[in-house]
Amino acid sequence: MPIQEIPAVEFQLDNVIDAFEDTMKQVFDEDPKIFEGHSDRMSWHGQVTSAGVELREEINKLIEKYEVRLHQGEFA
C-alpha cells in the first residue's frame, strides 16, 4: 500500500489540499476586483477545485517518488 493511502497520511494530505483550496477561495473574497474580466466567484471556485485535484495528484506522485528512493536505499 502506498504511504499516501494510509489513513493517517491521507488525512494530513486532505488537510493540506483543503487549506490550499480555502486560501485560494479567500483570495477572491478579499479582492474580487483583480478577477474582473476573467473570473467570477463561481468560475474561480471551480478553478480552485480543479487545481486542488491536480495538486493532490502531483503530491501523490512526489510522495511515491521519495518512497521508491527510500526503498532503494538512496538516503543511506
PDB file of N, CA and C in Angstrom:
ATOM      1  N   MET A   1       0.854  -1.187   0.000  1.00  0.00           N
ATOM      2  CA  MET A   1       0.000   0.000   0.000  1.00  0.00           C
ATOM      3  C   MET A   1       0.891   1.239   0.000  1.00  0.00           C
ATOM      4  N   PRO A   2       0.652   2.143  -0.952  1.00  0.00           N
ATOM      5  CA  PRO A   2       1.415   3.393  -0.949  1.00  0.00           C
ATOM      6  C   PRO A   2       1.149   4.183   0.337  1.00  0.00           C
ATOM      7  N   ILE A   3       2.174   4.844   0.811  1.00  0.00           N
ATOM      8  CA  ILE A   3       2.060   5.564   2.083  1.00  0.00           C
ATOM      9  C   ILE A   3       0.940   6.600   2.056  1.00  0.00           C
ATOM     10  N   GLN A   4       0.705   7.222   0.902  1.00  0.00           N
ATOM     11  CA  GLN A   4      -0.333   8.246   0.851  1.00  0.00           C
ATOM     12  C   GLN A   4      -1.739   7.668   0.963  1.00  0.00           C
ATOM     13  N   GLU A   5      -1.865   6.336   0.924  1.00  0.00           N
ATOM     14  CA  GLU A   5      -3.167   5.695   1.115  1.00  0.00           C
ATOM     15  C   GLU A   5      -3.377   5.224   2.550  1.00  0.00           C
ATOM     16  N   ILE A   6      -2.372   5.370   3.397  1.00  0.00           N
ATOM     17  CA  ILE A   6      -2.530   5.065   4.819  1.00  0.00           C
ATOM     18  C   ILE A   6      -3.433   6.144   5.411  1.00  0.00           C
ATOM     19  N   PRO A   7      -4.465   5.748   6.151  1.00  0.00           N
ATOM     20  CA  PRO A   7      -5.448   6.726   6.615  1.00  0.00           C
ATOM     21  C   PRO A   7      -4.862   7.967   7.303  1.00  0.00           C
ATOM     22  N   ALA A   8      -3.888   7.815   8.159  1.00  0.00           N
ATOM     23  CA  ALA A   8      -3.327   8.976   8.856  1.00  0.00           C
ATOM     24  C   ALA A   8      -2.644   9.934   7.885  1.00  0.00           C
ATOM     25  N   VAL A   9      -1.945   9.404   6.904  1.00  0.00           N
ATOM     26  CA  VAL A   9      -1.269  10.239   5.904  1.00  0.00           C
ATOM     27  C   VAL A   9      -2.302  10.860   4.973  1.00  0.00           C
ATOM     28  N   GLU A  10      -3.259  10.074   4.548  1.00  0.00           N
ATOM     29  CA  GLU A  10      -4.315  10.573   3.675  1.00  0.00           C
ATOM     30  C   GLU A  10      -5.064  11.731   4.334  1.00  0.00           C
ATOM     31  N   PHE A  11      -5.318  11.610   5.632  1.00  0.00           N
ATOM     32  CA  PHE A  11      -5.987  12.673   6.387  1.00  0.00           C
ATOM     33  C   PHE A  11      -5.163  13.959   6.342  1.00  0.00           C
ATOM     34  N   GLN A  12      -3.854  13.845   6.536  1.00  0.00           N
ATOM     35  CA  GLN A  12      -2.994  15.023   6.512  1.00  0.00           C
ATOM     36  C   GLN A  12      -2.941  15.643   5.116  1.00  0.00           C
ATOM     37  N   LEU A  13      -2.880  14.812   4.094  1.00  0.00           N
ATOM     38  CA  LEU A  13      -2.891  15.328   2.723  1.00  0.00           C
ATOM     39  C   LEU A  13      -4.206  16.040   2.424  1.00  0.00           C
ATOM     40  N   ASP A  14      -5.307  15.478   2.900  1.00  0.00           N
ATOM     41  CA  ASP A  14      -6.606  16.143   2.736  1.00  0.00           C
ATOM     42  C   ASP A  14      -6.584  17.518   3.397  1.00  0.00           C
ATOM     43  N   ASN A  15      -5.960  17.611   4.573  1.00  0.00           N
ATOM     44  CA  ASN A  15      -5.863  18.897   5.269  1.00  0.00           C
ATOM     45  C   ASN A  15      -5.070  19.915   4.457  1.00  0.00           C
ATOM     46  N   VAL A  16      -3.981  19.476   3.837  1.00  0.00           N
ATOM     47  CA  VAL A  16      -3.167  20.372   3.014  1.00  0.00           C
ATOM     48  C   VAL A  16      -3.974  20.880   1.823  1.00  0.00           C
ATOM     49  N   ILE A  17      -4.649  19.974   1.135  1.00  0.00           N
ATOM     50  CA  ILE A  17      -5.435  20.368  -0.033  1.00  0.00           C
ATOM     51  C   ILE A  17      -6.583  21.281   0.377  1.00  0.00           C
ATOM     52  N   ASP A  18      -7.255  20.956   1.468  1.00  0.00           N
ATOM     53  CA  ASP A  18      -8.340  21.811   1.958  1.00  0.00           C
ATOM     54  C   ASP A  18      -7.830  23.212   2.295  1.00  0.00           C
ATOM     55  N   ALA A  19      -6.674  23.295   2.940  1.00  0.00           N
ATOM     56  CA  ALA A  19      -6.095  24.596   3.296  1.00  0.00           C
ATOM     57  C   ALA A  19      -5.751  25.388   2.032  1.00  0.00           C
ATOM     58  N   PHE A  20      -5.172  24.712   1.038  1.00  0.00           N
ATOM     59  CA  PHE A  20      -4.864  25.363  -0.230  1.00  0.00           C
ATOM     60  C   PHE A  20      -6.136  25.923  -0.864  1.00  0.00           C
ATOM     61  N   GLU A  21      -7.154  25.076  -0.985  1.00  0.00           N
ATOM     62  CA  GLU A  21      -8.392  25.498  -1.635  1.00  0.00           C
ATOM     63  C   GLU A  21      -9.070  26.625  -0.859  1.00  0.00           C
ATOM     64  N   ASP A  22      -9.140  26.496   0.454  1.00  0.00           N
ATOM     65  CA  ASP A  22      -9.773  27.546   1.270  1.00  0.00           C
ATOM     66  C   ASP A  22      -9.044  28.879   1.111  1.00  0.00           C
ATOM     67  N   THR A  23      -7.726  28.832   1.121  1.00  0.00           N
ATOM     68  CA  THR A  23      -6.935  30.055   0.990  1.00  0.00           C
ATOM     69  C   THR A  23      -7.137  30.694  -0.374  1.00  0.00           C
ATOM     70  N   MET A  24      -7.139  29.881  -1.424  1.00  0.00           N
ATOM     71  CA  MET A  24      -7.319  30.423  -2.769  1.00  0.00           C
ATOM     72  C   MET A  24      -8.721  30.995  -2.948  1.00  0.00           C
ATOM     73  N   LYS A  25      -9.707  30.396  -2.318  1.00  0.00           N
ATOM     74  CA  LYS A  25     -11.067  30.940  -2.389  1.00  0.00           C
ATOM     75  C   LYS A  25     -11.153  32.269  -1.646  1.00  0.00           C
ATOM     76  N   GLN A  26     -10.405  32.397  -0.555  1.00  0.00           N
ATOM     77  CA  GLN A  26     -10.389  33.648   0.207  1.00  0.00           C
ATOM     78  C   GLN A  26      -9.770  34.778  -0.602  1.00  0.00           C
ATOM     79  N   VAL A  27      -8.823  34.437  -1.474  1.00  0.00           N
ATOM     80  CA  VAL A  27      -8.206  35.453  -2.322  1.00  0.00           C
ATOM     81  C   VAL A  27      -9.287  36.186  -3.113  1.00  0.00           C
ATOM     82  N   PHE A  28     -10.233  35.438  -3.646  1.00  0.00           N
ATOM     83  CA  PHE A  28     -11.318  36.073  -4.397  1.00  0.00           C
ATOM     84  C   PHE A  28     -12.161  36.946  -3.481  1.00  0.00           C
ATOM     85  N   ASP A  29     -12.500  36.434  -2.313  1.00  0.00           N
ATOM     86  CA  ASP A  29     -13.350  37.180  -1.387  1.00  0.00           C
ATOM     87  C   ASP A  29     -12.679  38.465  -0.908  1.00  0.00           C
ATOM     88  N   GLU A  30     -11.358  38.430  -0.764  1.00  0.00           N
ATOM     89  CA  GLU A  30     -10.634  39.600  -0.256  1.00  0.00           C
ATOM     90  C   GLU A  30     -10.486  40.697  -1.308  1.00  0.00           C
ATOM     91  N   ASP A  31     -10.351  40.320  -2.572  1.00  0.00           N
ATOM     92  CA  ASP A  31     -10.157  41.325  -3.612  1.00  0.00           C
ATOM     93  C   ASP A  31     -10.751  40.862  -4.947  1.00  0.00           C
ATOM     94  N   PRO A  32     -12.076  40.861  -5.037  1.00  0.00           N
ATOM     95  CA  PRO A  32     -12.712  40.372  -6.262  1.00  0.00           C
ATOM     96  C   PRO A  32     -12.387  41.224  -7.500  1.00  0.00           C
ATOM     97  N   LYS A  33     -11.949  42.453  -7.280  1.00  0.00           N
ATOM     98  CA  LYS A  33     -11.647  43.333  -8.419  1.00  0.00           C
ATOM     99  C   LYS A  33     -10.526  42.779  -9.292  1.00  0.00           C
ATOM    100  N   ILE A  34      -9.583  42.054  -8.711  1.00  0.00           N
ATOM    101  CA  ILE A  34      -8.464  41.550  -9.506  1.00  0.00           C
ATOM    102  C   ILE A  34      -8.895  40.443 -10.478  1.00  0.00           C
ATOM    103  N   PHE A  35     -10.115  39.954 -10.308  1.00  0.00           N
ATOM    104  CA  PHE A  35     -10.629  38.888 -11.162  1.00  0.00           C
ATOM    105  C   PHE A  35     -11.573  39.397 -12.244  1.00  0.00           C
ATOM    106  N   GLU A  36     -11.870  40.685 -12.216  1.00  0.00           N
ATOM    107  CA  GLU A  36     -12.817  41.260 -13.170  1.00  0.00           C
ATOM    108  C   GLU A  36     -12.349  41.006 -14.595  1.00  0.00           C
ATOM    109  N   GLY A  37     -13.266  40.556 -15.424  1.00  0.00           N
ATOM    110  CA  GLY A  37     -12.971  40.324 -16.821  1.00  0.00           C
ATOM    111  C   GLY A  37     -12.495  38.926 -17.154  1.00  0.00           C
ATOM    112  N   HIS A  38     -12.173  38.126 -16.131  1.00  0.00           N
ATOM    113  CA  HIS A  38     -11.728  36.766 -16.445  1.00  0.00           C
ATOM    114  C   HIS A  38     -12.299  35.695 -15.533  1.00  0.00           C
ATOM    115  N   SER A  39     -12.758  36.037 -14.354  1.00  0.00           N
ATOM    116  CA  SER A  39     -13.357  35.029 -13.464  1.00  0.00           C
ATOM    117  C   SER A  39     -14.391  35.679 -12.569  1.00  0.00           C
ATOM    118  N   ASP A  40     -15.528  35.013 -12.435  1.00  0.00           N
ATOM    119  CA  ASP A  40     -16.460  35.408 -11.386  1.00  0.00           C
ATOM    120  C   ASP A  40     -16.263  34.431 -10.223  1.00  0.00           C
ATOM    121  N   ARG A  41     -16.998  34.639  -9.164  1.00  0.00           N
ATOM    122  CA  ARG A  41     -16.803  33.818  -7.956  1.00  0.00           C
ATOM    123  C   ARG A  41     -16.995  32.328  -8.247  1.00  0.00           C
ATOM    124  N   MET A  42     -18.054  31.985  -8.976  1.00  0.00           N
ATOM    125  CA  MET A  42     -18.348  30.577  -9.250  1.00  0.00           C
ATOM    126  C   MET A  42     -17.255  29.939 -10.111  1.00  0.00           C
ATOM    127  N   SER A  43     -16.824  30.641 -11.152  1.00  0.00           N
ATOM    128  CA  SER A  43     -15.790  30.052 -12.012  1.00  0.00           C
ATOM    129  C   SER A  43     -14.470  29.939 -11.264  1.00  0.00           C
ATOM    130  N   TRP A  44     -14.175  30.925 -10.402  1.00  0.00           N
ATOM    131  CA  TRP A  44     -12.948  30.855  -9.609  1.00  0.00           C
ATOM    132  C   TRP A  44     -12.982  29.645  -8.683  1.00  0.00           C
ATOM    133  N   HIS A  45     -14.087  29.417  -8.024  1.00  0.00           N
ATOM    134  CA  HIS A  45     -14.203  28.261  -7.131  1.00  0.00           C
ATOM    135  C   HIS A  45     -14.031  26.955  -7.908  1.00  0.00           C
ATOM    136  N   GLY A  46     -14.568  26.897  -9.105  1.00  0.00           N
ATOM    137  CA  GLY A  46     -14.377  25.708  -9.942  1.00  0.00           C
ATOM    138  C   GLY A  46     -12.922  25.513 -10.315  1.00  0.00           C
ATOM    139  N   GLN A  47     -12.257  26.613 -10.651  1.00  0.00           N
ATOM    140  CA  GLN A  47     -10.833  26.542 -10.982  1.00  0.00           C
ATOM    141  C   GLN A  47     -10.007  26.101  -9.775  1.00  0.00           C
ATOM    142  N   VAL A  48     -10.355  26.621  -8.615  1.00  0.00           N
ATOM    143  CA  VAL A  48      -9.639  26.249  -7.388  1.00  0.00           C
ATOM    144  C   VAL A  48      -9.806  24.758  -7.109  1.00  0.00           C
ATOM    145  N   THR A  49     -11.013  24.246  -7.285  1.00  0.00           N
ATOM    146  CA  THR A  49     -11.254  22.820  -7.069  1.00  0.00           C
ATOM    147  C   THR A  49     -10.433  21.984  -8.044  1.00  0.00           C
ATOM    148  N   SER A  50     -10.415  22.386  -9.298  1.00  0.00           N
ATOM    149  CA  SER A  50      -9.609  21.659 -10.292  1.00  0.00           C
ATOM    150  C   SER A  50      -8.133  21.701  -9.940  1.00  0.00           C
ATOM    151  N   ALA A  51      -7.669  22.852  -9.502  1.00  0.00           N
ATOM    152  CA  ALA A  51      -6.265  22.979  -9.105  1.00  0.00           C
ATOM    153  C   ALA A  51      -5.969  22.096  -7.898  1.00  0.00           C
ATOM    154  N   GLY A  52      -6.911  22.009  -6.960  1.00  0.00           N
ATOM    155  CA  GLY A  52      -6.733  21.160  -5.789  1.00  0.00           C
ATOM    156  C   GLY A  52      -6.620  19.691  -6.156  1.00  0.00           C
ATOM    157  N   VAL A  53      -7.416  19.254  -7.110  1.00  0.00           N
ATOM    158  CA  VAL A  53      -7.351  17.867  -7.585  1.00  0.00           C
ATOM    159  C   VAL A  53      -5.985  17.595  -8.209  1.00  0.00           C
ATOM    160  N   GLU A  54      -5.548  18.509  -9.061  1.00  0.00           N
ATOM    161  CA  GLU A  54      -4.250  18.332  -9.717  1.00  0.00           C
ATOM    162  C   GLU A  54      -3.103  18.395  -8.713  1.00  0.00           C
ATOM    163  N   LEU A  55      -3.206  19.299  -7.740  1.00  0.00           N
ATOM    164  CA  LEU A  55      -2.179  19.389  -6.701  1.00  0.00           C
ATOM    165  C   LEU A  55      -2.079  18.083  -5.933  1.00  0.00           C
ATOM    166  N   ARG A  56      -3.215  17.495  -5.593  1.00  0.00           N
ATOM    167  CA  ARG A  56      -3.227  16.220  -4.878  1.00  0.00           C
ATOM    168  C   ARG A  56      -2.541  15.129  -5.698  1.00  0.00           C
ATOM    169  N   GLU A  57      -2.823  15.092  -6.993  1.00  0.00           N
ATOM    170  CA  GLU A  57      -2.186  14.102  -7.863  1.00  0.00           C
ATOM    171  C   GLU A  57      -0.669  14.290  -7.884  1.00  0.00           C
ATOM    172  N   GLU A  58      -0.231  15.535  -7.965  1.00  0.00           N
ATOM    173  CA  GLU A  58       1.205  15.818  -8.010  1.00  0.00           C
ATOM    174  C   GLU A  58       1.884  15.494  -6.676  1.00  0.00           C
ATOM    175  N   ILE A  59       1.219  15.792  -5.572  1.00  0.00           N
ATOM    176  CA  ILE A  59       1.773  15.456  -4.255  1.00  0.00           C
ATOM    177  C   ILE A  59       1.895  13.941  -4.128  1.00  0.00           C
ATOM    178  N   ASN A  60       0.880  13.215  -4.572  1.00  0.00           N
ATOM    179  CA  ASN A  60       0.933  11.753  -4.516  1.00  0.00           C
ATOM    180  C   ASN A  60       2.113  11.216  -5.325  1.00  0.00           C
ATOM    181  N   LYS A  61       2.334  11.784  -6.515  1.00  0.00           N
ATOM    182  CA  LYS A  61       3.470  11.363  -7.338  1.00  0.00           C
ATOM    183  C   LYS A  61       4.795  11.656  -6.641  1.00  0.00           C
ATOM    184  N   LEU A  62       4.885  12.802  -6.012  1.00  0.00           N
ATOM    185  CA  LEU A  62       6.108  13.179  -5.311  1.00  0.00           C
ATOM    186  C   LEU A  62       6.374  12.260  -4.119  1.00  0.00           C
ATOM    187  N   ILE A  63       5.331  11.957  -3.374  1.00  0.00           N
ATOM    188  CA  ILE A  63       5.477  11.026  -2.249  1.00  0.00           C
ATOM    189  C   ILE A  63       5.936   9.669  -2.756  1.00  0.00           C
ATOM    190  N   GLU A  64       5.307   9.203  -3.826  1.00  0.00           N
ATOM    191  CA  GLU A  64       5.681   7.906  -4.390  1.00  0.00           C
ATOM    192  C   GLU A  64       7.149   7.900  -4.828  1.00  0.00           C
ATOM    193  N   LYS A  65       7.588   8.982  -5.432  1.00  0.00           N
ATOM    194  CA  LYS A  65       8.980   9.100  -5.876  1.00  0.00           C
ATOM    195  C   LYS A  65       9.939   8.932  -4.694  1.00  0.00           C
ATOM    196  N   TYR A  66       9.664   9.620  -3.602  1.00  0.00           N
ATOM    197  CA  TYR A  66      10.549   9.537  -2.441  1.00  0.00           C
ATOM    198  C   TYR A  66      10.422   8.207  -1.713  1.00  0.00           C
ATOM    199  N   GLU A  67       9.241   7.634  -1.736  1.00  0.00           N
ATOM    200  CA  GLU A  67       9.055   6.313  -1.140  1.00  0.00           C
ATOM    201  C   GLU A  67       9.895   5.273  -1.891  1.00  0.00           C
ATOM    202  N   VAL A  68       9.882   5.345  -3.201  1.00  0.00           N
ATOM    203  CA  VAL A  68      10.693   4.420  -4.014  1.00  0.00           C
ATOM    204  C   VAL A  68      12.172   4.638  -3.721  1.00  0.00           C
ATOM    205  N   ARG A  69      12.589   5.892  -3.693  1.00  0.00           N
ATOM    206  CA  ARG A  69      14.001   6.176  -3.416  1.00  0.00           C
ATOM    207  C   ARG A  69      14.412   5.660  -2.039  1.00  0.00           C
ATOM    208  N   LEU A  70      13.520   5.784  -1.062  1.00  0.00           N
ATOM    209  CA  LEU A  70      13.825   5.237   0.270  1.00  0.00           C
ATOM    210  C   LEU A  70      14.001   3.737   0.215  1.00  0.00           C
ATOM    211  N   HIS A  71      13.093   3.050  -0.471  1.00  0.00           N
ATOM    212  CA  HIS A  71      13.167   1.596  -0.575  1.00  0.00           C
ATOM    213  C   HIS A  71      14.402   1.143  -1.337  1.00  0.00           C
ATOM    214  N   GLN A  72      14.911   1.998  -2.206  1.00  0.00           N
ATOM    215  CA  GLN A  72      16.116   1.666  -2.968  1.00  0.00           C
ATOM    216  C   GLN A  72      17.400   2.019  -2.218  1.00  0.00           C
ATOM    217  N   GLY A  73      17.245   2.556  -1.012  1.00  0.00           N
ATOM    218  CA  GLY A  73      18.418   2.859  -0.189  1.00  0.00           C
ATOM    219  C   GLY A  73      19.156   4.130  -0.566  1.00  0.00           C
ATOM    220  N   GLU A  74      18.531   5.026  -1.278  1.00  0.00           N
ATOM    221  CA  GLU A  74      19.202   6.241  -1.729  1.00  0.00           C
ATOM    222  C   GLU A  74      19.527   7.225  -0.613  1.00  0.00           C
ATOM    223  N   PHE A  75      18.979   7.050   0.548  1.00  0.00           N
ATOM    224  CA  PHE A  75      19.206   8.002   1.631  1.00  0.00           C
ATOM    225  C   PHE A  75      20.079   7.414   2.728  1.00  0.00           C
ATOM    226  N   ALA A  76      20.738   6.286   2.435  1.00  0.00           N
ATOM    227  CA  ALA A  76      21.574   5.627   3.427  1.00  0.00           C
ATOM    228  C   ALA A  76      22.895   6.351   3.594  1.00  0.00           C
TER     229      ALA A  76
END
